[in-house]
């Protein structure tokens, strides 16, 4: 059923990952230029892939196991993004000039939280279905 709570969590992930990185700056370089997701092709592609996986997971509401696997894959992509941002922020802090880390670096963290909540709800539904099957 599409009205389950994991659908809401996954829809929040789609909105956060598809819209926010292109609206909020990820970091600023030493010259004061703000870097957005569309400036970095690899980062932009990872955000788009994450949004598409969350959208496909919403549409797989009848097959909870595949939905769970897609969410795990989405978690890996967001962990890659988080690792890249941590690496990038460590490089930015070692500069001689002042550079700024943007709030957009927290997008993968927020996305990971909602994906974990969605996976927990999917697991709960799967356990409920298994317990009902045992009673029959």
N, C-alpha and C. Protein backbone atom coordinates (compact mmCIF):
# COMPACT_ATOMS: atom_id res chain seq x y z
N UNK A 1 0.85 -1.19 0.00
CA UNK A 1 0.00 0.00 0.00
C UNK A 1 0.89 1.24 0.00
N UNK A 2 0.50 2.18 -0.79
CA UNK A 2 1.32 3.37 -0.97
C UNK A 2 1.17 4.37 0.18
N UNK A 3 0.18 4.19 1.05
CA UNK A 3 -0.03 5.15 2.13
C UNK A 3 0.73 4.78 3.41
N UNK A 4 1.70 3.89 3.33
CA UNK A 4 2.48 3.50 4.50
C UNK A 4 3.50 4.59 4.85
N UNK A 5 4.03 4.51 6.07
CA UNK A 5 4.92 5.55 6.57
C UNK A 5 6.25 5.56 5.83
N UNK A 6 6.71 4.38 5.34
CA UNK A 6 7.98 4.38 4.62
C UNK A 6 7.87 5.14 3.30
N UNK A 7 6.68 5.21 2.74
CA UNK A 7 6.49 6.01 1.53
C UNK A 7 6.69 7.49 1.84
N UNK A 8 6.23 7.93 2.98
CA UNK A 8 6.43 9.32 3.38
C UNK A 8 7.92 9.59 3.58
N UNK A 9 8.61 8.67 4.26
CA UNK A 9 10.05 8.84 4.47
C UNK A 9 10.80 8.88 3.13
N UNK A 10 10.45 7.99 2.24
CA UNK A 10 11.13 7.95 0.94
C UNK A 10 10.81 9.19 0.10
N UNK A 11 9.58 9.70 0.21
CA UNK A 11 9.23 10.92 -0.51
C UNK A 11 10.02 12.12 0.03
N UNK A 12 10.23 12.15 1.34
CA UNK A 12 11.06 13.20 1.93
C UNK A 12 12.49 13.10 1.41
N UNK A 13 13.00 11.87 1.28
CA UNK A 13 14.34 11.68 0.72
C UNK A 13 14.40 12.20 -0.71
N UNK A 14 13.37 11.89 -1.51
CA UNK A 14 13.35 12.37 -2.90
C UNK A 14 13.38 13.89 -2.93
N UNK A 15 12.58 14.53 -2.11
CA UNK A 15 12.56 16.00 -2.09
C UNK A 15 13.88 16.58 -1.63
N UNK A 16 14.45 16.01 -0.58
CA UNK A 16 15.71 16.54 -0.03
C UNK A 16 16.85 16.36 -1.02
N UNK A 17 16.93 15.19 -1.63
CA UNK A 17 18.08 14.89 -2.49
C UNK A 17 17.93 15.49 -3.88
N UNK A 18 16.71 15.64 -4.37
CA UNK A 18 16.53 16.13 -5.73
C UNK A 18 16.48 17.65 -5.82
N UNK A 19 16.09 18.33 -4.77
CA UNK A 19 15.89 19.78 -4.85
C UNK A 19 16.93 20.56 -4.05
N UNK A 20 17.16 20.18 -2.82
CA UNK A 20 17.97 20.99 -1.91
C UNK A 20 19.42 21.17 -2.37
N UNK A 21 20.13 20.14 -2.87
CA UNK A 21 21.54 20.37 -3.24
C UNK A 21 21.74 21.36 -4.38
N UNK A 22 20.72 21.57 -5.17
CA UNK A 22 20.83 22.49 -6.29
C UNK A 22 20.35 23.90 -5.91
N UNK A 23 19.88 24.03 -4.69
CA UNK A 23 19.36 25.29 -4.20
C UNK A 23 20.26 25.88 -3.11
N UNK A 24 20.89 25.01 -2.34
CA UNK A 24 21.75 25.41 -1.23
C UNK A 24 23.20 25.11 -1.61
N UNK A 25 24.12 26.02 -1.28
CA UNK A 25 25.51 25.77 -1.64
C UNK A 25 26.12 24.68 -0.77
N UNK A 26 27.01 23.90 -1.38
CA UNK A 26 27.68 22.82 -0.66
C UNK A 26 28.89 23.34 0.10
N UNK A 27 29.68 24.18 -0.54
CA UNK A 27 30.81 24.82 0.11
C UNK A 27 31.21 26.05 -0.70
N UNK A 28 32.07 26.85 -0.12
CA UNK A 28 32.63 28.02 -0.80
C UNK A 28 34.13 27.84 -0.88
N UNK A 29 34.71 28.17 -2.02
CA UNK A 29 36.15 28.03 -2.14
C UNK A 29 36.86 29.26 -1.58
N UNK A 30 38.17 29.29 -1.71
CA UNK A 30 38.97 30.37 -1.12
C UNK A 30 38.67 31.72 -1.76
N UNK A 31 38.20 31.71 -3.00
CA UNK A 31 37.88 32.97 -3.68
C UNK A 31 36.49 33.49 -3.35
N UNK A 32 35.74 32.73 -2.58
CA UNK A 32 34.38 33.14 -2.23
C UNK A 32 33.33 32.64 -3.19
N UNK A 33 33.72 31.83 -4.16
CA UNK A 33 32.75 31.27 -5.11
C UNK A 33 31.98 30.14 -4.44
N UNK A 34 30.68 30.22 -4.51
CA UNK A 34 29.85 29.17 -3.92
C UNK A 34 29.76 28.00 -4.89
N UNK A 35 29.98 26.80 -4.37
CA UNK A 35 29.92 25.59 -5.18
C UNK A 35 28.59 24.89 -4.91
N UNK A 36 27.82 24.70 -5.96
CA UNK A 36 26.54 23.99 -5.87
C UNK A 36 26.72 22.60 -6.47
N UNK A 37 25.71 21.76 -6.35
CA UNK A 37 25.80 20.39 -6.85
C UNK A 37 25.93 20.36 -8.37
N UNK A 38 25.33 21.31 -9.07
CA UNK A 38 25.42 21.28 -10.53
C UNK A 38 26.82 21.65 -11.03
N UNK A 39 27.66 22.21 -10.17
CA UNK A 39 29.03 22.53 -10.58
C UNK A 39 29.93 21.30 -10.59
N UNK A 40 29.61 20.30 -9.83
CA UNK A 40 30.38 19.06 -9.75
C UNK A 40 29.56 17.94 -10.39
N UNK A 41 30.04 17.39 -11.49
CA UNK A 41 29.27 16.39 -12.24
C UNK A 41 29.08 15.11 -11.45
N UNK A 42 30.12 14.64 -10.78
CA UNK A 42 30.03 13.40 -10.01
C UNK A 42 29.04 13.53 -8.85
N UNK A 43 29.10 14.64 -8.17
CA UNK A 43 28.19 14.88 -7.04
C UNK A 43 26.77 15.03 -7.53
N UNK A 44 26.58 15.76 -8.60
CA UNK A 44 25.25 15.93 -9.17
C UNK A 44 24.66 14.58 -9.60
N UNK A 45 25.47 13.75 -10.25
CA UNK A 45 25.01 12.43 -10.66
C UNK A 45 24.64 11.55 -9.48
N UNK A 46 25.44 11.61 -8.41
CA UNK A 46 25.13 10.81 -7.23
C UNK A 46 23.83 11.27 -6.58
N UNK A 47 23.58 12.57 -6.54
CA UNK A 47 22.32 13.07 -6.00
C UNK A 47 21.14 12.63 -6.86
N UNK A 48 21.29 12.70 -8.18
CA UNK A 48 20.21 12.25 -9.07
C UNK A 48 19.95 10.76 -8.93
N UNK A 49 21.00 9.96 -8.86
CA UNK A 49 20.83 8.51 -8.70
C UNK A 49 20.13 8.20 -7.39
N UNK A 50 20.49 8.90 -6.33
CA UNK A 50 19.86 8.69 -5.04
C UNK A 50 18.37 9.04 -5.09
N UNK A 51 18.03 10.13 -5.76
CA UNK A 51 16.62 10.52 -5.88
C UNK A 51 15.84 9.51 -6.70
N UNK A 52 16.45 9.03 -7.79
CA UNK A 52 15.77 8.04 -8.64
C UNK A 52 15.56 6.73 -7.89
N UNK A 53 16.57 6.30 -7.13
CA UNK A 53 16.42 5.05 -6.35
C UNK A 53 15.32 5.17 -5.30
N UNK A 54 15.23 6.33 -4.66
CA UNK A 54 14.16 6.52 -3.67
C UNK A 54 12.79 6.53 -4.34
N UNK A 55 12.70 7.13 -5.51
CA UNK A 55 11.43 7.16 -6.24
C UNK A 55 11.03 5.76 -6.71
N UNK A 56 11.99 4.98 -7.19
CA UNK A 56 11.71 3.60 -7.61
C UNK A 56 11.31 2.76 -6.40
N UNK A 57 11.94 3.00 -5.26
CA UNK A 57 11.59 2.27 -4.05
C UNK A 57 10.15 2.58 -3.62
N UNK A 58 9.71 3.80 -3.82
CA UNK A 58 8.32 4.14 -3.52
C UNK A 58 7.38 3.33 -4.41
N UNK A 59 7.74 3.19 -5.68
CA UNK A 59 6.88 2.47 -6.62
C UNK A 59 6.90 0.96 -6.41
N UNK A 60 7.89 0.45 -5.68
CA UNK A 60 7.97 -0.98 -5.39
C UNK A 60 7.30 -1.33 -4.06
N UNK A 61 6.19 -0.68 -3.76
CA UNK A 61 5.55 -0.88 -2.46
C UNK A 61 4.98 -2.28 -2.30
N UNK A 62 4.74 -3.00 -3.39
CA UNK A 62 4.21 -4.36 -3.29
C UNK A 62 5.30 -5.38 -2.99
N UNK A 63 6.52 -5.07 -3.35
CA UNK A 63 7.63 -5.99 -3.13
C UNK A 63 8.57 -5.39 -2.08
N UNK A 64 8.33 -5.71 -0.82
CA UNK A 64 9.07 -5.10 0.27
C UNK A 64 10.54 -5.49 0.28
N UNK A 65 10.87 -6.70 -0.15
CA UNK A 65 12.27 -7.13 -0.15
C UNK A 65 13.10 -6.32 -1.14
N UNK A 66 12.57 -6.10 -2.33
CA UNK A 66 13.29 -5.27 -3.31
C UNK A 66 13.36 -3.82 -2.85
N UNK A 67 12.32 -3.35 -2.19
CA UNK A 67 12.30 -2.00 -1.66
C UNK A 67 13.41 -1.84 -0.61
N UNK A 68 13.56 -2.85 0.23
CA UNK A 68 14.59 -2.85 1.26
C UNK A 68 15.99 -2.84 0.64
N UNK A 69 16.19 -3.64 -0.41
CA UNK A 69 17.49 -3.71 -1.08
C UNK A 69 17.82 -2.37 -1.77
N UNK A 70 16.84 -1.77 -2.42
CA UNK A 70 17.07 -0.48 -3.06
C UNK A 70 17.42 0.60 -2.04
N UNK A 71 16.79 0.54 -0.88
CA UNK A 71 17.12 1.50 0.16
C UNK A 71 18.54 1.30 0.68
N UNK A 72 18.97 0.05 0.77
CA UNK A 72 20.35 -0.22 1.18
C UNK A 72 21.34 0.33 0.16
N UNK A 73 21.04 0.14 -1.12
CA UNK A 73 21.89 0.68 -2.18
C UNK A 73 21.91 2.21 -2.12
N UNK A 74 20.77 2.79 -1.84
CA UNK A 74 20.68 4.24 -1.69
C UNK A 74 21.50 4.71 -0.49
N UNK A 75 21.49 3.93 0.58
CA UNK A 75 22.31 4.25 1.75
C UNK A 75 23.79 4.27 1.37
N UNK A 76 24.23 3.31 0.56
CA UNK A 76 25.63 3.27 0.14
C UNK A 76 25.99 4.50 -0.69
N UNK A 77 25.10 4.92 -1.56
CA UNK A 77 25.36 6.11 -2.37
C UNK A 77 25.46 7.35 -1.48
N UNK A 78 24.58 7.44 -0.50
CA UNK A 78 24.62 8.59 0.41
C UNK A 78 25.86 8.54 1.32
N UNK A 79 26.29 7.33 1.69
CA UNK A 79 27.54 7.23 2.45
C UNK A 79 28.73 7.65 1.61
N UNK A 80 28.70 7.33 0.30
CA UNK A 80 29.74 7.81 -0.61
C UNK A 80 29.75 9.34 -0.64
N UNK A 81 28.57 9.93 -0.77
CA UNK A 81 28.47 11.39 -0.78
C UNK A 81 28.99 11.99 0.53
N UNK A 82 28.62 11.37 1.63
CA UNK A 82 29.06 11.86 2.94
C UNK A 82 30.58 11.76 3.06
N UNK A 83 31.14 10.64 2.60
CA UNK A 83 32.59 10.49 2.63
C UNK A 83 33.29 11.52 1.77
N UNK A 84 32.73 11.79 0.60
CA UNK A 84 33.32 12.82 -0.26
C UNK A 84 33.27 14.18 0.40
N UNK A 85 32.15 14.49 1.04
CA UNK A 85 32.03 15.80 1.69
C UNK A 85 32.96 15.91 2.89
N UNK A 86 33.15 14.83 3.63
CA UNK A 86 34.08 14.86 4.76
C UNK A 86 35.50 15.06 4.24
N UNK A 87 35.85 14.33 3.17
CA UNK A 87 37.17 14.51 2.56
C UNK A 87 37.35 15.93 2.07
N UNK A 88 36.33 16.45 1.44
CA UNK A 88 36.40 17.81 0.90
C UNK A 88 36.51 18.84 2.03
N UNK A 89 35.78 18.63 3.11
CA UNK A 89 35.84 19.59 4.22
C UNK A 89 37.18 19.53 4.93
N UNK A 90 37.80 18.35 4.98
CA UNK A 90 39.14 18.28 5.57
C UNK A 90 40.16 18.98 4.69
N UNK A 91 39.98 18.94 3.40
CA UNK A 91 40.87 19.67 2.50
C UNK A 91 40.64 21.17 2.59
N UNK A 92 39.40 21.58 2.77
CA UNK A 92 39.10 23.01 2.86
C UNK A 92 39.66 23.62 4.13
N UNK A 93 39.66 22.87 5.23
CA UNK A 93 40.10 23.46 6.49
C UNK A 93 41.61 23.65 6.54
N UNK A 94 42.37 23.00 5.65
CA UNK A 94 43.81 23.14 5.67
C UNK A 94 44.33 24.27 4.82
N UNK A 95 43.45 25.05 4.24
CA UNK A 95 43.88 26.14 3.39
C UNK A 95 44.43 27.30 4.21
N UNK A 96 45.24 28.10 3.56
CA UNK A 96 45.78 29.27 4.26
C UNK A 96 44.76 30.40 4.28
N UNK A 97 43.90 30.45 3.26
CA UNK A 97 42.85 31.46 3.23
C UNK A 97 41.57 30.86 3.82
N UNK A 98 40.66 31.72 4.17
CA UNK A 98 39.42 31.27 4.80
C UNK A 98 38.48 30.73 3.74
N UNK A 99 37.95 29.56 3.97
CA UNK A 99 36.93 28.99 3.10
C UNK A 99 35.78 28.52 3.99
N UNK A 100 34.64 28.37 3.39
CA UNK A 100 33.44 28.10 4.16
C UNK A 100 32.81 26.79 3.73
N UNK A 101 32.35 26.04 4.71
CA UNK A 101 31.62 24.82 4.42
C UNK A 101 30.13 25.16 4.42
N UNK A 102 29.42 24.73 3.40
CA UNK A 102 28.01 25.06 3.29
C UNK A 102 27.13 24.07 4.04
N UNK A 103 25.90 24.47 4.25
CA UNK A 103 24.94 23.63 4.93
C UNK A 103 24.54 22.43 4.07
N UNK A 104 24.81 22.52 2.77
CA UNK A 104 24.48 21.44 1.87
C UNK A 104 25.25 20.15 2.13
N UNK A 105 26.33 20.24 2.89
CA UNK A 105 27.09 19.04 3.23
C UNK A 105 26.32 18.12 4.18
N UNK A 106 25.28 18.62 4.80
CA UNK A 106 24.49 17.80 5.72
C UNK A 106 23.36 17.05 5.02
N UNK A 107 23.18 17.27 3.73
CA UNK A 107 22.09 16.62 2.99
C UNK A 107 22.20 15.09 3.04
N UNK A 108 23.40 14.50 2.82
CA UNK A 108 23.46 13.04 2.92
C UNK A 108 23.14 12.51 4.31
N UNK A 109 23.47 13.26 5.35
CA UNK A 109 23.18 12.81 6.71
C UNK A 109 21.67 12.76 6.93
N UNK A 110 20.97 13.79 6.50
CA UNK A 110 19.51 13.83 6.64
C UNK A 110 18.88 12.72 5.80
N UNK A 111 19.40 12.51 4.62
CA UNK A 111 18.89 11.46 3.74
C UNK A 111 19.12 10.09 4.35
N UNK A 112 20.28 9.86 4.95
CA UNK A 112 20.57 8.57 5.59
C UNK A 112 19.62 8.31 6.73
N UNK A 113 19.32 9.34 7.51
CA UNK A 113 18.38 9.17 8.64
C UNK A 113 17.02 8.73 8.14
N UNK A 114 16.50 9.38 7.11
CA UNK A 114 15.18 9.01 6.59
C UNK A 114 15.19 7.65 5.90
N UNK A 115 16.30 7.29 5.27
CA UNK A 115 16.38 5.96 4.66
C UNK A 115 16.42 4.86 5.72
N UNK A 116 17.10 5.11 6.83
CA UNK A 116 17.12 4.14 7.92
C UNK A 116 15.73 4.01 8.53
N UNK A 117 15.03 5.12 8.69
CA UNK A 117 13.66 5.06 9.20
C UNK A 117 12.74 4.29 8.24
N UNK A 118 12.92 4.49 6.94
CA UNK A 118 12.12 3.77 5.95
C UNK A 118 12.44 2.28 6.00
N UNK A 119 13.71 1.92 6.11
CA UNK A 119 14.08 0.51 6.20
C UNK A 119 13.53 -0.13 7.46
N UNK A 120 13.52 0.61 8.54
CA UNK A 120 12.96 0.07 9.78
C UNK A 120 11.46 -0.18 9.64
N UNK A 121 10.76 0.71 8.96
CA UNK A 121 9.32 0.54 8.75
C UNK A 121 9.05 -0.62 7.79
N UNK A 122 9.89 -0.77 6.77
CA UNK A 122 9.72 -1.90 5.84
C UNK A 122 9.96 -3.21 6.57
N UNK A 123 10.97 -3.27 7.41
CA UNK A 123 11.25 -4.48 8.19
C UNK A 123 10.10 -4.79 9.13
N UNK A 124 9.52 -3.77 9.71
CA UNK A 124 8.38 -3.96 10.61
C UNK A 124 7.18 -4.53 9.85
N UNK A 125 6.92 -4.03 8.65
CA UNK A 125 5.83 -4.56 7.82
C UNK A 125 6.10 -6.00 7.42
N UNK A 126 7.33 -6.29 7.06
CA UNK A 126 7.69 -7.66 6.66
C UNK A 126 7.52 -8.63 7.83
N UNK A 127 7.91 -8.22 9.02
CA UNK A 127 7.73 -9.06 10.20
C UNK A 127 6.25 -9.27 10.51
N UNK A 128 5.45 -8.24 10.32
CA UNK A 128 4.01 -8.36 10.54
C UNK A 128 3.38 -9.36 9.57
N UNK A 129 3.77 -9.29 8.32
CA UNK A 129 3.24 -10.22 7.33
C UNK A 129 3.68 -11.65 7.64
N UNK A 130 4.92 -11.85 8.07
CA UNK A 130 5.40 -13.18 8.43
C UNK A 130 4.65 -13.73 9.64
N UNK A 131 4.34 -12.88 10.61
CA UNK A 131 3.65 -13.35 11.80
C UNK A 131 2.19 -13.72 11.46
N UNK A 132 1.58 -13.02 10.55
CA UNK A 132 0.23 -13.33 10.14
C UNK A 132 0.21 -14.64 9.35
N UNK A 133 1.23 -14.86 8.52
CA UNK A 133 1.33 -16.10 7.76
C UNK A 133 1.52 -17.31 8.67
N UNK A 134 2.18 -17.13 9.79
CA UNK A 134 2.36 -18.24 10.73
C UNK A 134 1.06 -18.65 11.38
N UNK A 135 0.18 -17.69 11.57
CA UNK A 135 -1.09 -17.99 12.24
C UNK A 135 -2.07 -18.74 11.35
N UNK A 136 -1.89 -18.65 10.04
CA UNK A 136 -2.83 -19.32 9.14
C UNK A 136 -2.67 -20.79 9.13
